[in-house]
Protein backbone atom coordinates (compact mmCIF):
# COMPACT_ATOMS: atom_id res chain seq x y z
CA MET A 1 70.32 77.92 105.49
CA ASP A 2 71.93 74.89 107.56
CA ILE A 3 73.45 71.67 105.61
CA LYS A 4 73.61 68.49 107.02
CA ASP A 5 74.16 64.88 105.28
CA GLY A 6 74.04 67.07 101.89
CA LYS A 7 70.35 67.86 102.82
CA CYS A 8 68.29 70.98 103.96
CA VAL A 9 67.95 71.05 107.93
CA ARG A 10 66.93 73.17 110.70
CA LEU A 11 68.15 72.18 114.46
CA THR A 12 66.19 72.97 117.61
CA ARG A 13 69.15 75.31 120.12
CA GLY A 14 71.74 73.24 118.13
CA ASP A 15 71.22 70.02 118.97
CA PHE A 16 71.96 67.52 116.53
CA ASN A 17 69.40 64.81 117.69
CA GLN A 18 65.90 67.26 117.10
CA GLN A 19 66.55 68.20 113.26
CA LYS A 20 63.74 68.30 110.70
CA ILE A 21 64.37 67.78 107.12
CA TYR A 22 63.15 70.65 104.90
CA LEU A 23 64.26 69.62 101.58
CA ASP A 24 66.65 67.11 100.35
CA ASN A 25 68.79 69.33 97.55
CA PRO A 26 69.81 72.79 99.19
CA ARG A 27 70.35 74.40 95.94
CA ASP A 28 66.59 73.81 94.95
CA MET A 29 66.03 75.63 98.76
CA ALA A 30 68.51 78.33 97.44
CA ILE A 31 66.84 78.65 94.21
CA ILE A 32 63.02 79.09 96.27
CA TRP A 33 64.47 81.98 98.27
CA ARG A 34 65.95 84.00 95.52
CA LYS A 35 63.02 83.74 93.88
CA GLN A 36 61.64 85.26 97.07
CA ASN A 37 63.64 87.94 96.70
CA ALA A 38 66.57 87.01 98.94
CA LYS A 39 69.58 89.69 99.08
CA MET A 40 71.81 87.46 100.43
CA LEU A 41 72.31 83.68 102.00
CA HIS A 42 73.59 82.31 105.05
CA ILE A 43 74.83 79.16 105.19
CA VAL A 44 76.05 76.86 107.79
CA ASP A 45 77.64 73.55 107.29
CA LEU A 46 76.73 71.19 110.62
CA ASP A 47 78.75 68.34 109.55
CA ALA A 48 81.81 70.37 109.22
CA ALA A 49 81.03 72.52 112.60
CA LEU A 50 81.27 69.25 113.91
CA THR A 51 84.16 67.58 112.16
CA GLY A 52 86.23 70.08 111.06
CA GLU A 53 85.84 68.53 107.64
CA MET A 54 84.30 70.87 104.57
CA VAL A 55 81.69 67.57 104.38
CA ASN A 56 78.97 69.40 102.29
CA PHE A 57 81.69 71.64 100.22
CA ASP A 58 80.34 70.31 96.69
CA ARG A 59 76.87 71.04 97.82
CA ILE A 60 77.79 74.93 99.00
CA LYS A 61 79.64 75.09 95.89
CA GLU A 62 76.68 74.07 93.39
CA ILE A 63 74.65 76.96 95.33
CA VAL A 64 77.12 79.24 94.87
CA GLU A 65 77.12 78.72 90.89
CA GLU A 66 73.83 79.20 90.67
CA LEU A 67 72.86 82.18 92.72
CA ASP A 68 73.60 85.82 91.76
CA ILE A 69 73.67 87.34 95.61
CA PRO A 70 76.12 87.08 97.99
CA ILE A 71 76.61 83.97 99.54
CA GLN A 72 78.19 83.80 103.62
CA VAL A 73 79.27 80.59 104.88
CA GLY A 74 80.36 78.98 108.31
CA GLY A 75 80.22 75.82 109.99
CA GLY A 76 83.72 74.07 110.49
CA ILE A 77 85.93 76.77 109.19
CA ARG A 78 89.49 76.34 110.88
CA SER A 79 92.33 76.82 108.35
CA LEU A 80 93.44 79.63 106.17
CA GLU A 81 93.27 76.83 103.16
CA ALA A 82 89.61 76.37 104.28
CA VAL A 83 88.95 79.93 104.30
CA LYS A 84 90.95 80.58 100.78
CA ARG A 85 88.98 76.96 98.95
CA TYR A 86 85.56 78.87 99.80
CA LEU A 87 86.26 82.49 98.45
CA ASP A 88 88.02 80.78 95.27
CA ILE A 89 84.91 79.39 94.75
CA GLY A 90 82.75 82.47 94.82
CA VAL A 91 81.75 82.84 98.77
CA SER A 92 81.66 86.56 99.52
CA ARG A 93 82.26 86.25 103.29
CA VAL A 94 83.12 83.11 105.46
CA VAL A 95 82.51 82.99 109.01
CA ILE A 96 85.10 82.24 112.03
CA GLY A 97 83.38 80.22 114.98
CA SER A 98 85.37 77.69 117.34
CA ALA A 99 88.71 78.46 115.69
CA ALA A 100 88.06 82.61 117.25
CA VAL A 101 88.54 80.90 120.47
CA THR A 102 90.99 77.70 119.80
CA ASN A 103 92.64 79.10 117.15
CA PRO A 104 93.10 83.07 117.36
CA GLU A 105 96.28 83.24 115.35
CA LEU A 106 93.97 82.48 112.53
CA ILE A 107 92.56 85.50 112.59
CA ALA A 108 95.16 87.48 112.62
CA GLU A 109 96.90 85.43 109.65
CA LEU A 110 93.34 85.94 107.76
CA LEU A 111 93.62 89.33 108.15
CA LYS A 112 96.81 89.78 106.39
CA THR A 113 95.53 88.08 103.02
CA TYR A 114 91.43 89.36 103.10
CA ARG A 115 89.87 92.36 104.27
CA PRO A 116 87.63 92.52 107.51
CA SER A 117 84.48 92.73 105.27
CA ARG A 118 85.44 89.46 103.82
CA ILE A 119 85.97 87.59 107.30
CA VAL A 120 83.62 87.81 110.34
CA VAL A 121 83.65 85.97 113.59
CA GLY A 122 80.28 84.09 115.20
CA ILE A 123 79.43 84.13 118.51
CA ASP A 124 77.15 81.53 119.49
CA ALA A 125 76.29 82.05 123.18
CA GLU A 126 74.13 80.35 125.91
CA ASN A 127 73.95 82.56 128.84
CA GLY A 128 76.43 85.25 128.16
CA ILE A 129 79.03 82.10 127.15
CA PRO A 130 80.27 81.07 123.87
CA LYS A 131 79.82 77.98 122.96
CA ILE A 132 82.43 75.99 119.96
CA LYS A 133 82.44 73.02 118.20
CA GLY A 134 78.98 72.80 116.75
CA TRP A 135 78.09 73.99 120.40
CA THR A 136 79.04 70.87 121.89
CA GLU A 137 81.90 72.73 124.63
CA SER A 138 81.92 76.10 126.19
CA SER A 139 84.49 78.55 125.38
CA GLY A 140 85.50 79.32 129.29
CA MET A 141 85.10 83.70 128.46
CA LYS A 142 82.33 85.71 128.29
CA ASP A 143 80.53 86.64 124.66
CA TYR A 144 81.96 90.33 124.81
CA GLU A 145 85.26 89.19 126.10
CA LEU A 146 85.42 87.12 123.32
CA ALA A 147 84.38 90.00 120.69
CA LEU A 148 86.48 93.06 121.89
CA LYS A 149 89.37 90.35 121.58
CA MET A 150 88.47 90.01 118.47
CA LYS A 151 87.87 93.80 117.55
CA LYS A 152 91.46 94.37 119.06
CA MET A 153 92.73 92.28 116.35
CA GLY A 154 90.93 93.50 113.19
CA ILE A 155 88.06 92.08 112.95
CA GLU A 156 84.96 94.53 112.11
CA ARG A 157 81.24 92.37 112.33
CA ILE A 158 80.07 89.86 115.01
CA ILE A 159 77.00 87.45 114.07
CA TYR A 160 75.62 87.01 117.66
CA THR A 161 73.20 83.95 118.17
CA ASP A 162 71.48 83.40 121.35
CA ILE A 163 71.48 79.72 121.62
CA SER A 164 68.66 79.35 124.07
CA ARG A 165 66.47 81.00 121.24
CA ASP A 166 67.92 79.45 117.97
CA GLY A 167 65.26 77.30 116.18
CA MET A 168 62.52 77.75 119.28
CA MET A 169 59.68 79.69 117.70
CA GLN A 170 59.34 81.42 120.70
CA GLY A 171 60.99 84.93 119.94
CA PHE A 172 64.07 86.62 119.45
CA GLY A 173 66.82 87.10 122.29
CA TYR A 174 66.41 90.73 122.33
CA GLU A 175 67.79 91.55 125.93
CA SER A 176 70.93 89.09 125.06
CA THR A 177 71.45 90.81 121.97
CA ARG A 178 71.33 94.05 123.32
CA LEU A 179 73.78 93.38 126.51
CA PHE A 180 76.18 91.60 124.19
CA ALA A 181 76.30 94.60 121.52
CA GLU A 182 76.67 97.62 124.29
CA LYS A 183 79.65 96.10 125.75
CA ALA A 184 81.06 94.47 122.17
CA GLY A 185 80.80 98.18 119.97
CA MET A 186 80.86 96.41 116.75
CA LYS A 187 78.94 96.16 113.86
CA ILE A 188 76.36 92.91 114.62
CA THR A 189 74.18 90.56 112.36
CA ALA A 190 71.67 89.41 114.86
CA SER A 191 70.87 85.28 114.57
CA GLY A 192 68.88 82.95 116.61
CA GLY A 193 64.68 83.36 117.54
CA VAL A 194 63.61 85.82 115.25
CA THR A 195 59.69 84.19 114.76
CA SER A 196 57.77 86.87 112.94
CA SER A 197 57.71 90.36 111.48
CA GLU A 198 57.01 91.86 114.84
CA ASP A 199 60.29 90.78 115.84
CA LEU A 200 61.86 92.32 112.90
CA LYS A 201 60.02 95.84 114.26
CA ARG A 202 61.48 95.11 117.81
CA LEU A 203 65.31 94.80 116.45
CA VAL A 204 65.25 97.97 114.35
CA GLN A 205 65.56 99.26 118.29
CA LEU A 206 69.26 97.74 118.72
CA GLN A 207 70.48 99.88 115.62
CA LYS A 208 72.02 102.46 117.57
CA PHE A 209 74.03 99.76 119.58
CA GLY A 210 75.09 98.95 116.16
CA VAL A 211 73.13 95.95 115.43
CA ASP A 212 72.36 96.49 111.76
CA SER A 213 71.34 93.15 110.03
CA VAL A 214 69.71 89.49 110.87
CA ILE A 215 69.70 86.39 109.94
CA ILE A 216 66.43 84.34 109.41
CA GLY A 217 65.66 81.13 109.38
CA LYS A 218 63.18 78.71 110.63
CA ALA A 219 60.42 81.46 110.80
CA LEU A 220 60.61 81.29 107.07
CA TYR A 221 60.63 77.80 106.52
CA GLU A 222 57.49 77.38 108.95
CA CYS A 223 55.91 80.21 106.92
CA ASN A 224 55.42 82.74 109.69
CA PHE A 225 55.62 85.41 107.52
CA PRO A 226 56.51 85.95 103.67
CA CYS A 227 59.85 86.56 103.07
CA GLN A 228 59.07 89.36 101.05
CA GLU A 229 58.13 90.68 104.86
CA MET A 230 62.03 90.92 105.54
CA TRP A 231 62.41 93.88 102.44
CA TYR A 232 59.82 96.33 104.22
CA ASN A 233 61.45 99.48 103.84
CA TYR A 234 61.08 100.88 107.42
CA GLU A 235 62.15 104.19 108.00
CA GLY A 236 65.58 103.61 108.95
CA GLY A 237 64.89 100.09 109.17
CA ILE A 238 66.78 96.74 109.54
CA CYS A 239 67.97 94.41 107.20
CA LEU A 240 69.27 91.05 105.78
CA ASP A 241 72.67 92.32 104.87
CA HIS A 242 70.98 94.25 101.71
CA ASN A 243 73.74 96.48 101.74
CA PHE A 244 76.82 93.85 101.63
CA SER A 245 78.48 94.67 98.87
CA THR A 246 79.09 91.87 96.12
CA ALA A 247 82.89 92.29 95.05
CA ARG A 248 84.90 89.22 95.20
CA LYS A 249 87.87 91.79 95.72
CA ARG A 250 90.63 90.51 98.40
């Protein structure tokens, strides 16, 4: 779920000029996903991704208070105070994106205070190059180089998004994700471009490279397949973090 200007939206390839509003109140959308048996909710504050200000904090807090499932939040989280503020309201896990590039010392500080399961790094890459600050700037390094740097610091999981696929409804970036996962050697949550349940079946093949979960957005909003299909019990299958602990222990 992406939130911009307090509304539930989706972008195409991260372009803020190509947005579609799905619902004015993100809380109502969250309730719909929960009723459809969602096991975990991934939220991005798009305004914060651009500005670094927690613009939609109150909206996100409403969702956390309403739902009984783990909630993961990203977008513009660039300080210890921001992380603490989210975790204190009951967010289960925060995603650090731009700050992992611009202020890696923050990662070290966070891991002194919180378990690695509470802190993950999001790498949004285009042609293998991570983009930062709402995908408006390049990082100057390879995606796997950033991952290995984070791994050395103690990060255990990466959320990997192929920007070229995100919101395009043209299928998942299978090869780019496989190449990244092979080089990173970490737990990977795949993101960007899942268009059909067939994409989910194909993703199962990446488990041997550490890809154990997936984030799905626009395909569900566009009703490409029922939400419940995500929970189909593929033998040794992949899921949307259904094994993630709901514990709020630091």
